[in-house]
């Protein structure tokens, strides 16, 4: 026959094993959470650094783009509206009567510069890590 003492001892051993197993897994969980938190803090610091670098690249690209647009505007200086002169311009012409560039050339130059500046910004942004 099984005595109540043996049953008590078996239940006690079972409970002790259960407690030891639970505490072992709990310690592993706590260590894992600490490790994940440390990695998250490192990644967050890296992300903030990349955002700051990206902001600097974007600001520099914007200033460079605006300077180039200003240079384009001064290069195509004296741009007039096609119907602003006393004489009407030649139809479908990109040169006005006095030999100055029309808005079409300026628009093409602006669009080209916009695309070139966008390509430069993408190249510079790709180097930020």
C-alpha atoms as a PDB file:
ATOM      1  CA  UNK A   1       0.000   0.000   0.000  1.00  0.00           C
ATOM      2  CA  UNK A   2       0.990   3.513  -0.659  1.00  0.00           C
ATOM      3  CA  UNK A   3       1.281   5.620   2.417  1.00  0.00           C
ATOM      4  CA  UNK A   4       0.301   9.224   2.674  1.00  0.00           C
ATOM      5  CA  UNK A   5       3.886  10.129   3.523  1.00  0.00           C
ATOM      6  CA  UNK A   6       5.139   8.766   0.205  1.00  0.00           C
ATOM      7  CA  UNK A   7       2.410  10.622  -1.645  1.00  0.00           C
ATOM      8  CA  UNK A   8       3.342  13.812   0.224  1.00  0.00           C
ATOM      9  CA  UNK A   9       7.019  13.351  -0.624  1.00  0.00           C
ATOM     10  CA  UNK A  10       6.216  12.727  -4.308  1.00  0.00           C
ATOM     11  CA  UNK A  11       3.942  15.771  -4.447  1.00  0.00           C
ATOM     12  CA  UNK A  12       6.646  17.856  -2.715  1.00  0.00           C
ATOM     13  CA  UNK A  13       9.311  16.686  -5.178  1.00  0.00           C
ATOM     14  CA  UNK A  14       6.975  17.378  -8.099  1.00  0.00           C
ATOM     15  CA  UNK A  15       6.256  20.904  -6.806  1.00  0.00           C
ATOM     16  CA  UNK A  16       9.976  21.567  -6.196  1.00  0.00           C
ATOM     17  CA  UNK A  17      10.783  20.457  -9.765  1.00  0.00           C
ATOM     18  CA  UNK A  18       7.963  22.604 -11.104  1.00  0.00           C
ATOM     19  CA  UNK A  19       9.255  25.634  -9.159  1.00  0.00           C
ATOM     20  CA  UNK A  20      12.848  25.070 -10.297  1.00  0.00           C
ATOM     21  CA  UNK A  21      11.769  24.702 -13.939  1.00  0.00           C
ATOM     22  CA  UNK A  22       9.618  27.820 -13.761  1.00  0.00           C
ATOM     23  CA  UNK A  23      12.375  29.922 -12.118  1.00  0.00           C
ATOM     24  CA  UNK A  24      14.925  28.741 -14.713  1.00  0.00           C
ATOM     25  CA  UNK A  25      12.674  29.780 -17.596  1.00  0.00           C
ATOM     26  CA  UNK A  26      11.777  33.061 -15.886  1.00  0.00           C
ATOM     27  CA  UNK A  27      15.474  33.959 -15.531  1.00  0.00           C
ATOM     28  CA  UNK A  28      15.948  33.202 -19.228  1.00  0.00           C
ATOM     29  CA  UNK A  29      12.976  35.429 -20.065  1.00  0.00           C
ATOM     30  CA  UNK A  30      14.361  38.302 -17.992  1.00  0.00           C
ATOM     31  CA  UNK A  31      17.769  37.953 -19.670  1.00  0.00           C
ATOM     32  CA  UNK A  32      16.133  37.884 -23.112  1.00  0.00           C
ATOM     33  CA  UNK A  33      14.087  41.005 -22.367  1.00  0.00           C
ATOM     34  CA  UNK A  34      17.230  42.846 -21.190  1.00  0.00           C
ATOM     35  CA  UNK A  35      19.071  41.807 -24.353  1.00  0.00           C
ATOM     36  CA  UNK A  36      16.201  42.954 -26.600  1.00  0.00           C
ATOM     37  CA  UNK A  37      15.970  46.270 -24.762  1.00  0.00           C
ATOM     38  CA  UNK A  38      19.707  46.897 -25.201  1.00  0.00           C
ATOM     39  CA  UNK A  39      19.491  46.111 -28.922  1.00  0.00           C
ATOM     40  CA  UNK A  40      16.436  48.373 -29.255  1.00  0.00           C
ATOM     41  CA  UNK A  41      18.251  51.287 -27.602  1.00  0.00           C
ATOM     42  CA  UNK A  42      21.234  50.822 -29.897  1.00  0.00           C
ATOM     43  CA  UNK A  43      18.993  50.707 -32.964  1.00  0.00           C
ATOM     44  CA  UNK A  44      17.087  53.774 -31.817  1.00  0.00           C
ATOM     45  CA  UNK A  45      20.327  55.737 -31.414  1.00  0.00           C
ATOM     46  CA  UNK A  46      21.425  54.613 -34.879  1.00  0.00           C
ATOM     47  CA  UNK A  47      18.069  55.650 -36.367  1.00  0.00           C
ATOM     48  CA  UNK A  48      18.313  59.106 -34.798  1.00  0.00           C
ATOM     49  CA  UNK A  49      21.824  59.510 -36.198  1.00  0.00           C
ATOM     50  CA  UNK A  50      20.673  58.495 -39.682  1.00  0.00           C
ATOM     51  CA  UNK A  51      17.729  60.911 -39.485  1.00  0.00           C
ATOM     52  CA  UNK A  52      20.055  63.783 -38.564  1.00  0.00           C
ATOM     53  CA  UNK A  53      22.448  62.922 -41.397  1.00  0.00           C
ATOM     54  CA  UNK A  54      19.525  62.605 -43.807  1.00  0.00           C
ATOM     55  CA  UNK A  55      18.228  66.017 -42.754  1.00  0.00           C
ATOM     56  CA  UNK A  56      21.663  67.548 -43.402  1.00  0.00           C
ATOM     57  CA  UNK A  57      21.861  65.907 -46.835  1.00  0.00           C
ATOM     58  CA  UNK A  58      18.369  67.115 -47.711  1.00  0.00           C
ATOM     59  CA  UNK A  59      19.118  70.654 -46.539  1.00  0.00           C
ATOM     60  CA  UNK A  60      22.365  70.794 -48.517  1.00  0.00           C
ATOM     61  CA  UNK A  61      20.644  69.394 -51.607  1.00  0.00           C
ATOM     62  CA  UNK A  62      17.844  71.931 -51.330  1.00  0.00           C
ATOM     63  CA  UNK A  63      20.275  74.847 -50.992  1.00  0.00           C
ATOM     64  CA  UNK A  64      22.320  73.539 -53.931  1.00  0.00           C
ATOM     65  CA  UNK A  65      19.163  73.116 -56.023  1.00  0.00           C
ATOM     66  CA  UNK A  66      17.966  76.648 -55.262  1.00  0.00           C
ATOM     67  CA  UNK A  67      21.388  78.081 -56.112  1.00  0.00           C
ATOM     68  CA  UNK A  68      21.387  76.256 -59.439  1.00  0.00           C
ATOM     69  CA  UNK A  69      17.870  77.475 -60.229  1.00  0.00           C
ATOM     70  CA  UNK A  70      19.014  81.013 -59.512  1.00  0.00           C
ATOM     71  CA  UNK A  71      21.973  80.522 -61.847  1.00  0.00           C
ATOM     72  CA  UNK A  72      19.666  79.182 -64.550  1.00  0.00           C
ATOM     73  CA  UNK A  73      17.363  82.155 -64.166  1.00  0.00           C
ATOM     74  CA  UNK A  74      20.260  84.598 -64.440  1.00  0.00           C
ATOM     75  CA  UNK A  75      21.665  82.692 -67.451  1.00  0.00           C
ATOM     76  CA  UNK A  76      18.351  82.937 -69.252  1.00  0.00           C
ATOM     77  CA  UNK A  77      18.002  86.534 -68.068  1.00  0.00           C
ATOM     78  CA  UNK A  78      15.484  88.851 -69.582  1.00  0.00           C
ATOM     79  CA  UNK A  79      12.955  86.108 -70.066  1.00  0.00           C
ATOM     80  CA  UNK A  80       9.710  87.654 -71.208  1.00  0.00           C
ATOM     81  CA  UNK A  81       6.235  86.367 -71.620  1.00  0.00           C
ATOM     82  CA  UNK A  82       5.660  85.580 -75.312  1.00  0.00           C
ATOM     83  CA  UNK A  83       2.959  88.241 -75.632  1.00  0.00           C
ATOM     84  CA  UNK A  84       4.566  90.910 -73.436  1.00  0.00           C
ATOM     85  CA  UNK A  85       6.337  92.827 -76.229  1.00  0.00           C
ATOM     86  CA  UNK A  86       4.858  95.357 -78.583  1.00  0.00           C
ATOM     87  CA  UNK A  87       5.376  92.939 -81.454  1.00  0.00           C
ATOM     88  CA  UNK A  88       4.011  89.440 -81.374  1.00  0.00           C
ATOM     89  CA  UNK A  89       6.663  86.701 -81.240  1.00  0.00           C
ATOM     90  CA  UNK A  90       7.253  84.182 -83.978  1.00  0.00           C
ATOM     91  CA  UNK A  91       4.812  81.271 -83.490  1.00  0.00           C
ATOM     92  CA  UNK A  92       6.264  78.090 -81.905  1.00  0.00           C
ATOM     93  CA  UNK A  93       9.618  79.753 -81.451  1.00  0.00           C
ATOM     94  CA  UNK A  94      11.839  79.326 -78.424  1.00  0.00           C
ATOM     95  CA  UNK A  95      13.637  82.610 -79.170  1.00  0.00           C
ATOM     96  CA  UNK A  96      11.847  85.917 -78.863  1.00  0.00           C
ATOM     97  CA  UNK A  97      12.215  88.749 -81.373  1.00  0.00           C
ATOM     98  CA  UNK A  98      15.164  90.323 -79.582  1.00  0.00           C
ATOM     99  CA  UNK A  99      17.016  86.956 -79.373  1.00  0.00           C
ATOM    100  CA  UNK A 100      16.292  86.185 -75.725  1.00  0.00           C
ATOM    101  CA  UNK A 101      15.101  82.833 -74.459  1.00  0.00           C
ATOM    102  CA  UNK A 102      11.395  82.280 -74.013  1.00  0.00           C
ATOM    103  CA  UNK A 103       9.684  80.607 -71.089  1.00  0.00           C
ATOM    104  CA  UNK A 104       9.908  77.228 -72.817  1.00  0.00           C
ATOM    105  CA  UNK A 105      13.688  77.147 -72.589  1.00  0.00           C
ATOM    106  CA  UNK A 106      13.564  78.268 -68.985  1.00  0.00           C
ATOM    107  CA  UNK A 107      10.952  75.629 -68.133  1.00  0.00           C
ATOM    108  CA  UNK A 108      13.050  72.941 -69.803  1.00  0.00           C
ATOM    109  CA  UNK A 109      16.144  74.078 -67.925  1.00  0.00           C
ATOM    110  CA  UNK A 110      14.234  74.083 -64.620  1.00  0.00           C
ATOM    111  CA  UNK A 111      12.841  70.598 -65.253  1.00  0.00           C
ATOM    112  CA  UNK A 112      16.241  69.243 -66.242  1.00  0.00           C
ATOM    113  CA  UNK A 113      17.855  70.749 -63.175  1.00  0.00           C
ATOM    114  CA  UNK A 114      15.100  69.350 -60.986  1.00  0.00           C
ATOM    115  CA  UNK A 115      15.751  65.828 -62.283  1.00  0.00           C
ATOM    116  CA  UNK A 116      19.531  66.165 -61.994  1.00  0.00           C
ATOM    117  CA  UNK A 117      19.207  67.483 -58.438  1.00  0.00           C
ATOM    118  CA  UNK A 118      16.832  64.658 -57.529  1.00  0.00           C
ATOM    119  CA  UNK A 119      19.316  62.097 -58.859  1.00  0.00           C
ATOM    120  CA  UNK A 120      22.122  63.743 -56.853  1.00  0.00           C
ATOM    121  CA  UNK A 121      19.950  63.721 -53.714  1.00  0.00           C
ATOM    122  CA  UNK A 122      19.173  60.020 -54.154  1.00  0.00           C
ATOM    123  CA  UNK A 123      22.871  59.195 -54.594  1.00  0.00           C
ATOM    124  CA  UNK A 124      23.818  61.208 -51.500  1.00  0.00           C
ATOM    125  CA  UNK A 125      20.951  59.751 -49.474  1.00  0.00           C
ATOM    126  CA  UNK A 126      21.990  56.212 -50.374  1.00  0.00           C
ATOM    127  CA  UNK A 127      25.408  56.769 -48.785  1.00  0.00           C
ATOM    128  CA  UNK A 128      23.902  57.688 -45.394  1.00  0.00           C
ATOM    129  CA  UNK A 129      24.145  54.710 -43.074  1.00  0.00           C
END
